[in-house]
Amino acid sequence: MSTTPHAIVIHAAGDLRIDKIADPQPAPDEAVIDIVYGGICGSDLHYWQHGAAGESLLRAPMILGHEVVGIVARAASDGTGPAAGTRVAVHPATPATEYVRHPVDRPNIAGGGYLGSAARFPHRDGAFAHRVALPATMLRALPDGTDLREAALIEPASVAWHAVSRVGDVAGRSALVVGCGPIGLLAVAVLKARGASHITAVDLHDRPLGIARQLGADTVLKQPGDAEIVAIDADVVVESSGSHRGLDTAIRGAARGGSVVMVGLLPSGPQPVQISLAIARELDLRGSFRFNDEIDEVIRALADGELRIEPVISHVRSWTAAAEAFALAADPTVSSKVLLRFREEWREE
């Protein structure tokens, strides 16, 4: 690894750079982490392609990345958190400190900070770097034997776990996943782990549908027609495409009285979907945003072998090839989850 830490920094739309950064200077409640792997998220791609992710506009250079795993290089000096040498996953959220009206058990919608997010200014830098200082409260020790490459998916798997949890118990219920990007694929894996009776996956491309099969989808459909969609009649639908066409498919594929979880981030503004159909079928439309403590359930399920997510990883690239990695991640016909490797000597794959 380079003795001088570097980071993957977005300066403006289309302007992704590898910049030298200073060695982290941790606060007493922060640990220094040597990052091993970082997964490129859809929000990272949005900042790169558009200079914005949803309502979050990039106003200054920002280190990207919130899907990271690594090793504690220096424990927090106040004695909290994992000891040096511990392998850790990272929960990237910082709870809101000001008063916000929200249910106390849903801090994800309280307006707190998030690694690699431009939602506030100054922006919160992410963790696509060799070494970062992070609050000990963000760190989750990984069980012995955990593969760090697979563990790099813990954060997005927690997003999928939270989305499925929004509809309660799915055991014995039929499910439909619309959009098989990384979050959609992880939703398939979570639905399988939690006992869904029949899982249908829909996407525009063959490659992600093949992965959905590996993860437990019983039926896969490429660009299904209206009759095929209506015939799905799913009790639970996860919309993860982030498009109005995907949401429309989700509504039409839901059974009467069913639930549609919207985890795909649609563009701002009005969306042309069949809301009248949702009313007539008395569907529950539920938003899903990030996650809370589901990360602990995901870590347990991975350790127990209950949750299988490794097939979602399509490519691992060195941090020095960040531009290539981002281009790969932006093309769903050739990739699913693309990881950056920040320690060159690390070779679990």
Protein backbone atom coordinates (compact mmCIF):
# COMPACT_ATOMS: atom_id res chain seq x y z
CA MET A 1 0.00 0.00 0.00
CA SER A 2 1.17 3.52 -0.70
CA THR A 3 2.71 5.18 2.37
CA THR A 4 0.85 8.37 1.46
CA PRO A 5 -2.91 7.90 1.81
CA HIS A 6 -5.01 8.57 -1.26
CA ALA A 7 -8.76 8.91 -1.73
CA ILE A 8 -11.30 8.73 -4.55
CA VAL A 9 -12.68 12.27 -4.78
CA ILE A 10 -15.53 13.65 -6.89
CA HIS A 11 -14.88 17.29 -7.86
CA ALA A 12 -17.82 17.81 -10.24
CA ALA A 13 -19.99 15.82 -12.61
CA GLY A 14 -17.64 13.70 -14.71
CA ASP A 15 -14.59 14.81 -12.72
CA LEU A 16 -13.41 11.85 -10.62
CA ARG A 17 -9.87 12.06 -9.24
CA ILE A 18 -7.43 10.17 -7.06
CA ASP A 19 -6.15 12.76 -4.60
CA LYS A 20 -3.52 12.62 -1.90
CA ILE A 21 -4.98 13.24 1.54
CA ALA A 22 -3.55 13.90 4.97
CA ASP A 23 -3.16 11.12 7.50
CA PRO A 24 -6.33 10.98 9.61
CA GLN A 25 -6.25 12.71 12.98
CA PRO A 26 -8.84 10.85 15.05
CA ALA A 27 -10.91 12.34 17.83
CA PRO A 28 -10.87 10.39 21.13
CA ASP A 29 -14.02 8.46 20.14
CA GLU A 30 -12.72 7.63 16.64
CA ALA A 31 -10.69 4.68 15.40
CA VAL A 32 -8.33 4.69 12.43
CA ILE A 33 -9.34 2.09 9.85
CA ASP A 34 -7.25 0.63 7.04
CA ILE A 35 -9.85 0.23 4.30
CA VAL A 36 -9.59 -3.05 2.39
CA TYR A 37 -12.63 -3.03 0.08
CA GLY A 38 -15.19 -0.44 -0.96
CA GLY A 39 -18.28 -1.13 -3.04
CA ILE A 40 -19.39 1.40 -5.66
CA CYS A 41 -22.98 2.39 -4.89
CA GLY A 42 -25.62 3.89 -7.16
CA SER A 43 -25.29 7.17 -5.27
CA ASP A 44 -21.53 7.24 -6.00
CA LEU A 45 -22.37 6.78 -9.67
CA HIS A 46 -24.94 9.59 -9.54
CA TYR A 47 -22.41 12.02 -8.07
CA TRP A 48 -19.93 10.99 -10.76
CA GLN A 49 -22.39 11.18 -13.66
CA HIS A 50 -24.64 14.06 -12.61
CA GLY A 51 -23.01 15.89 -9.71
CA ALA A 52 -26.03 15.02 -7.60
CA ALA A 53 -27.76 12.07 -5.97
CA GLY A 54 -31.47 12.73 -5.77
CA GLU A 55 -31.89 16.03 -3.92
CA SER A 56 -28.24 16.05 -2.75
CA LEU A 57 -26.24 18.47 -4.90
CA LEU A 58 -22.45 18.42 -4.99
CA ARG A 59 -21.15 21.88 -4.05
CA ALA A 60 -17.50 21.08 -3.26
CA PRO A 61 -15.06 18.19 -3.75
CA MET A 62 -16.01 15.16 -1.65
CA ILE A 63 -14.48 11.77 -0.92
CA LEU A 64 -16.93 9.15 -2.13
CA GLY A 65 -17.83 5.80 -0.61
CA HIS A 66 -19.90 4.35 2.22
CA GLU A 67 -19.89 0.60 1.47
CA VAL A 68 -16.58 -0.24 3.13
CA VAL A 69 -14.85 -2.86 5.23
CA GLY A 70 -11.40 -2.83 6.75
CA ILE A 71 -9.15 -3.48 9.72
CA VAL A 72 -8.77 -1.34 12.82
CA ALA A 73 -5.27 0.14 12.69
CA ARG A 74 -5.65 2.21 15.84
CA ALA A 75 -8.45 1.79 18.36
CA ALA A 76 -10.33 4.80 19.73
CA SER A 77 -8.28 6.38 22.52
CA ASP A 78 -11.33 6.66 24.81
CA GLY A 79 -11.48 2.87 24.99
CA THR A 80 -14.69 2.43 23.01
CA GLY A 81 -15.15 0.23 19.97
CA PRO A 82 -13.13 -2.67 18.56
CA ALA A 83 -9.48 -3.29 19.35
CA ALA A 84 -6.65 -2.83 16.88
CA GLY A 85 -6.48 -5.69 14.37
CA THR A 86 -10.24 -6.30 14.35
CA ARG A 87 -11.92 -6.76 10.98
CA VAL A 88 -14.90 -4.42 10.77
CA ALA A 89 -17.85 -3.43 8.63
CA VAL A 90 -19.03 0.17 8.76
CA HIS A 91 -22.49 1.55 9.48
CA PRO A 92 -22.17 4.85 7.59
CA ALA A 93 -24.91 6.84 9.36
CA THR A 94 -24.44 9.57 11.93
CA PRO A 95 -27.59 10.06 14.04
CA ALA A 96 -29.25 13.47 13.96
CA THR A 97 -28.28 15.65 16.91
CA GLU A 98 -30.98 18.28 16.56
CA TYR A 99 -34.63 17.67 17.35
CA VAL A 100 -36.49 16.16 14.41
CA ARG A 101 -40.04 14.89 14.50
CA HIS A 102 -39.81 11.19 13.73
CA PRO A 103 -40.56 7.83 15.35
CA VAL A 104 -37.79 7.12 17.82
CA ASP A 105 -37.11 3.69 16.30
CA ARG A 106 -36.47 5.11 12.80
CA PRO A 107 -33.31 7.23 12.96
CA ASN A 108 -32.73 6.60 9.24
CA ILE A 109 -35.39 9.23 8.45
CA ALA A 110 -34.33 11.72 11.13
CA GLY A 111 -31.98 13.69 8.90
CA GLY A 112 -28.59 12.63 10.27
CA GLY A 113 -25.38 12.47 8.25
CA TYR A 114 -24.07 9.71 6.01
CA LEU A 115 -20.60 8.94 4.73
CA GLY A 116 -20.02 10.23 1.21
CA SER A 117 -23.17 12.35 1.13
CA ALA A 118 -23.69 15.86 -0.23
CA ALA A 119 -27.07 16.20 1.49
CA ARG A 120 -25.58 18.83 3.81
CA PHE A 121 -22.90 21.47 3.43
CA PRO A 122 -20.09 21.14 4.27
CA HIS A 123 -20.41 17.68 2.78
CA ARG A 124 -19.65 14.52 4.76
CA ASP A 125 -16.61 12.87 3.21
CA GLY A 126 -16.85 9.16 2.51
CA ALA A 127 -14.37 6.35 3.07
CA PHE A 128 -12.93 5.46 -0.35
CA ALA A 129 -9.44 6.00 1.03
CA HIS A 130 -6.50 4.00 2.34
CA ARG A 131 -6.99 5.15 5.93
CA VAL A 132 -9.90 6.94 7.55
CA ALA A 133 -10.87 8.01 11.05
CA LEU A 134 -14.40 6.90 11.92
CA PRO A 135 -16.50 7.07 15.09
CA ALA A 136 -16.24 3.80 17.02
CA THR A 137 -20.05 3.69 17.05
CA MET A 138 -19.99 3.13 13.27
CA LEU A 139 -17.90 -0.02 13.51
CA ARG A 140 -19.20 -3.58 13.60
CA ALA A 141 -16.73 -6.36 14.42
CA LEU A 142 -16.96 -9.24 11.97
CA PRO A 143 -17.11 -12.87 13.13
CA ASP A 144 -14.03 -15.02 12.66
CA GLY A 145 -13.84 -16.52 9.19
CA THR A 146 -15.84 -13.76 7.52
CA ASP A 147 -14.62 -13.16 3.99
CA LEU A 148 -13.86 -9.45 3.71
CA ARG A 149 -14.75 -9.32 0.04
CA GLU A 150 -18.25 -10.63 0.72
CA ALA A 151 -18.44 -8.45 3.81
CA ALA A 152 -18.10 -5.41 1.52
CA LEU A 153 -21.75 -6.08 0.62
CA ILE A 154 -22.98 -5.80 4.21
CA GLU A 155 -24.05 -2.16 3.86
CA PRO A 156 -26.15 -2.60 0.68
CA ALA A 157 -27.47 -5.93 2.00
CA SER A 158 -28.66 -4.00 5.05
CA VAL A 159 -30.53 -1.63 2.71
CA ALA A 160 -32.22 -4.66 1.14
CA TRP A 161 -32.92 -6.24 4.54
CA HIS A 162 -34.55 -3.00 5.74
CA ALA A 163 -36.67 -2.82 2.57
CA VAL A 164 -37.98 -6.35 3.04
CA SER A 165 -38.59 -5.64 6.73
CA ARG A 166 -40.90 -2.76 5.78
CA VAL A 167 -43.60 -5.32 4.94
CA GLY A 168 -43.10 -7.54 7.98
CA ASP A 169 -42.90 -11.33 7.83
CA VAL A 170 -42.47 -12.57 4.25
CA ALA A 171 -42.27 -16.29 5.06
CA GLY A 172 -44.66 -18.23 2.87
CA ARG A 173 -45.56 -15.17 0.77
CA SER A 174 -44.93 -14.69 -2.94
CA ALA A 175 -42.58 -11.88 -3.94
CA LEU A 176 -41.64 -9.83 -6.99
CA VAL A 177 -38.41 -7.84 -7.37
CA VAL A 178 -38.42 -5.20 -10.11
CA GLY A 179 -34.92 -4.18 -11.17
CA CYS A 180 -31.96 -6.47 -10.55
CA GLY A 181 -29.18 -4.03 -9.91
CA PRO A 182 -27.14 -4.75 -6.78
CA ILE A 183 -29.93 -3.73 -4.35
CA GLY A 184 -32.53 -5.71 -6.28
CA LEU A 185 -30.28 -8.78 -6.34
CA LEU A 186 -29.63 -8.44 -2.62
CA ALA A 187 -33.39 -8.15 -2.08
CA VAL A 188 -33.78 -11.49 -3.86
CA ALA A 189 -31.18 -13.00 -1.52
CA VAL A 190 -32.88 -11.53 1.56
CA LEU A 191 -36.33 -12.72 0.46
CA LYS A 192 -34.90 -16.21 -0.06
CA ALA A 193 -33.22 -16.20 3.36
CA ARG A 194 -36.42 -15.05 5.04
CA GLY A 195 -38.62 -17.72 3.54
CA ALA A 196 -40.55 -16.19 0.64
CA SER A 197 -42.49 -18.97 -1.06
CA HIS A 198 -41.90 -17.91 -4.68
CA ILE A 199 -39.66 -15.11 -5.95
CA THR A 200 -40.02 -13.53 -9.39
CA ALA A 201 -37.28 -11.20 -10.64
CA VAL A 202 -37.73 -8.73 -13.51
CA ASP A 203 -35.02 -6.84 -15.36
CA LEU A 204 -34.13 -5.51 -18.80
CA HIS A 205 -30.93 -7.55 -19.13
CA ASP A 206 -30.01 -11.23 -19.14
CA ARG A 207 -26.91 -11.01 -16.95
CA PRO A 208 -28.56 -9.78 -13.73
CA LEU A 209 -31.40 -12.22 -14.21
CA GLY A 210 -28.87 -15.05 -14.26
CA ILE A 211 -27.49 -13.85 -10.95
CA ALA A 212 -31.00 -13.57 -9.55
CA ARG A 213 -31.44 -17.26 -10.37
CA GLN A 214 -28.26 -18.09 -8.45
CA LEU A 215 -29.55 -16.18 -5.44
CA GLY A 216 -32.85 -18.02 -5.31
CA ALA A 217 -35.29 -16.45 -7.77
CA ASP A 218 -37.78 -19.08 -8.95
CA THR A 219 -38.86 -17.17 -12.05
CA VAL A 220 -37.00 -14.53 -14.04
CA LEU A 221 -38.60 -12.31 -16.68
CA LYS A 222 -36.88 -10.06 -19.19
CA GLN A 223 -39.03 -7.10 -20.25
CA PRO A 224 -42.32 -8.92 -19.57
CA GLY A 225 -45.53 -7.89 -21.32
CA ASP A 226 -48.57 -6.53 -19.51
CA ALA A 227 -50.27 -9.92 -19.27
CA GLU A 228 -47.17 -11.51 -17.74
CA ILE A 229 -46.87 -8.74 -15.17
CA VAL A 230 -50.48 -8.92 -14.04
CA ALA A 231 -50.26 -12.71 -13.79
CA ILE A 232 -47.43 -12.46 -11.23
CA ASP A 233 -49.93 -11.40 -8.55
CA ALA A 234 -47.25 -11.07 -5.83
CA ASP A 235 -48.03 -10.53 -2.15
CA VAL A 236 -44.85 -8.49 -1.70
CA VAL A 237 -43.13 -6.33 -4.33
CA VAL A 238 -39.72 -4.66 -4.04
CA GLU A 239 -39.25 -1.86 -6.57
CA SER A 240 -35.52 -1.33 -6.96
CA SER A 241 -35.16 -0.01 -10.50
CA GLY A 242 -35.53 3.63 -9.53
CA SER A 243 -37.64 4.41 -12.60
CA HIS A 244 -41.29 5.29 -13.07
CA ARG A 245 -41.67 2.37 -15.46
CA GLY A 246 -40.35 0.04 -12.78
CA LEU A 247 -42.76 1.46 -10.21
CA ASP A 248 -45.61 1.06 -12.65
CA THR A 249 -44.59 -2.59 -13.18
CA ALA A 250 -44.43 -3.07 -9.41
CA ILE A 251 -47.96 -1.74 -8.92
CA ARG A 252 -49.38 -3.88 -11.73
CA GLY A 253 -47.54 -6.98 -10.52
CA ALA A 254 -48.87 -6.75 -6.97
CA ALA A 255 -51.76 -8.86 -5.72
CA ARG A 256 -54.88 -7.17 -4.41
CA GLY A 257 -54.18 -6.02 -0.89
CA GLY A 258 -50.45 -6.53 -1.45
CA SER A 259 -47.50 -4.34 -0.48
CA VAL A 260 -45.07 -2.44 -2.71
CA VAL A 261 -41.79 -1.32 -1.15
CA MET A 262 -40.09 1.52 -3.03
CA VAL A 263 -36.35 1.30 -2.45
CA GLY A 264 -35.16 2.49 -5.88
CA LEU A 265 -34.47 6.23 -5.80
CA LEU A 266 -36.61 7.86 -8.50
CA PRO A 267 -35.69 11.26 -9.96
CA SER A 268 -37.18 14.34 -8.36
CA GLY A 269 -40.54 15.56 -9.63
CA PRO A 270 -43.86 13.98 -10.62
CA GLN A 271 -43.85 10.37 -11.80
CA PRO A 272 -46.37 8.92 -14.30
CA VAL A 273 -47.57 5.73 -12.60
CA GLN A 274 -50.92 3.98 -12.20
CA ILE A 275 -51.83 5.23 -8.74
CA SER A 276 -55.52 4.63 -9.52
CA LEU A 277 -54.72 0.92 -9.75
CA ALA A 278 -53.01 1.03 -6.37
CA ILE A 279 -56.15 2.62 -4.91
CA ALA A 280 -58.54 0.13 -6.50
CA ARG A 281 -56.43 -2.83 -5.37
CA GLU A 282 -55.90 -1.29 -1.93
CA LEU A 283 -52.14 -1.66 -2.15
CA ASP A 284 -49.77 -0.51 0.56
CA LEU A 285 -47.06 1.68 -1.01
CA ARG A 286 -44.14 2.02 1.37
CA GLY A 287 -40.93 3.97 1.03
CA SER A 288 -37.64 2.47 2.19
CA PHE A 289 -34.60 4.63 2.94
CA ARG A 290 -31.22 3.29 4.03
CA PHE A 291 -31.45 1.18 7.24
CA ASN A 292 -31.13 1.22 11.01
CA ASP A 293 -29.81 -1.72 13.05
CA GLU A 294 -30.48 -4.28 10.32
CA ILE A 295 -26.72 -4.35 9.71
CA ASP A 296 -26.37 -6.54 12.81
CA GLU A 297 -28.95 -9.00 11.47
CA VAL A 298 -27.15 -9.13 8.13
CA ILE A 299 -23.80 -9.86 9.79
CA ARG A 300 -25.40 -12.65 11.82
CA ALA A 301 -27.15 -14.12 8.77
CA LEU A 302 -23.90 -14.10 6.79
CA ALA A 303 -22.00 -15.80 9.61
CA ASP A 304 -24.73 -18.44 9.97
CA GLY A 305 -24.79 -19.16 6.24
CA GLU A 306 -28.45 -18.12 6.11
CA LEU A 307 -27.78 -15.27 3.68
CA ARG A 308 -25.84 -15.90 0.48
CA ILE A 309 -24.78 -12.77 -1.40
CA GLU A 310 -21.33 -13.41 -2.92
CA PRO A 311 -22.66 -13.89 -6.51
CA VAL A 312 -23.62 -10.20 -6.57
CA ILE A 313 -19.92 -9.26 -6.81
CA SER A 314 -18.93 -9.08 -10.46
CA HIS A 315 -15.59 -7.25 -10.46
CA VAL A 316 -12.77 -6.26 -8.10
CA ARG A 317 -10.46 -3.47 -9.23
CA SER A 318 -7.52 -1.69 -7.64
CA TRP A 319 -8.11 1.81 -6.30
CA THR A 320 -5.64 2.95 -8.94
CA ALA A 321 -8.17 1.93 -11.61
CA ALA A 322 -11.08 3.89 -10.10
CA ALA A 323 -12.14 5.39 -13.45
CA GLU A 324 -12.37 1.93 -15.04
CA ALA A 325 -14.23 0.59 -12.00
CA PHE A 326 -16.83 3.37 -12.11
CA ALA A 327 -17.38 2.85 -15.85
CA LEU A 328 -17.89 -0.88 -15.22
CA ALA A 329 -20.33 -0.23 -12.39
CA ALA A 330 -22.37 2.09 -14.61
CA ASP A 331 -23.00 -0.66 -17.20
CA PRO A 332 -25.57 -3.21 -15.95
CA THR A 333 -25.05 -5.39 -19.01
CA VAL A 334 -21.55 -6.33 -17.82
CA SER A 335 -21.51 -5.77 -14.06
CA SER A 336 -23.43 -5.92 -10.83
CA LYS A 337 -21.46 -4.91 -7.71
CA VAL A 338 -17.97 -3.56 -8.45
CA LEU A 339 -15.49 -3.40 -5.56
CA LEU A 340 -12.43 -1.21 -5.17
CA ARG A 341 -9.49 -2.84 -3.40
CA PHE A 342 -7.42 -0.41 -1.31
CA ARG A 343 -4.82 -2.88 -0.06
CA GLU A 344 -2.96 -4.29 -3.01
CA GLU A 345 -1.58 -7.24 -1.05
CA TRP A 346 -5.09 -8.41 -0.20
CA ARG A 347 -6.12 -11.34 -2.36
CA GLU A 348 -9.16 -13.20 -1.04
CA GLU A 349 -10.62 -13.51 -4.52
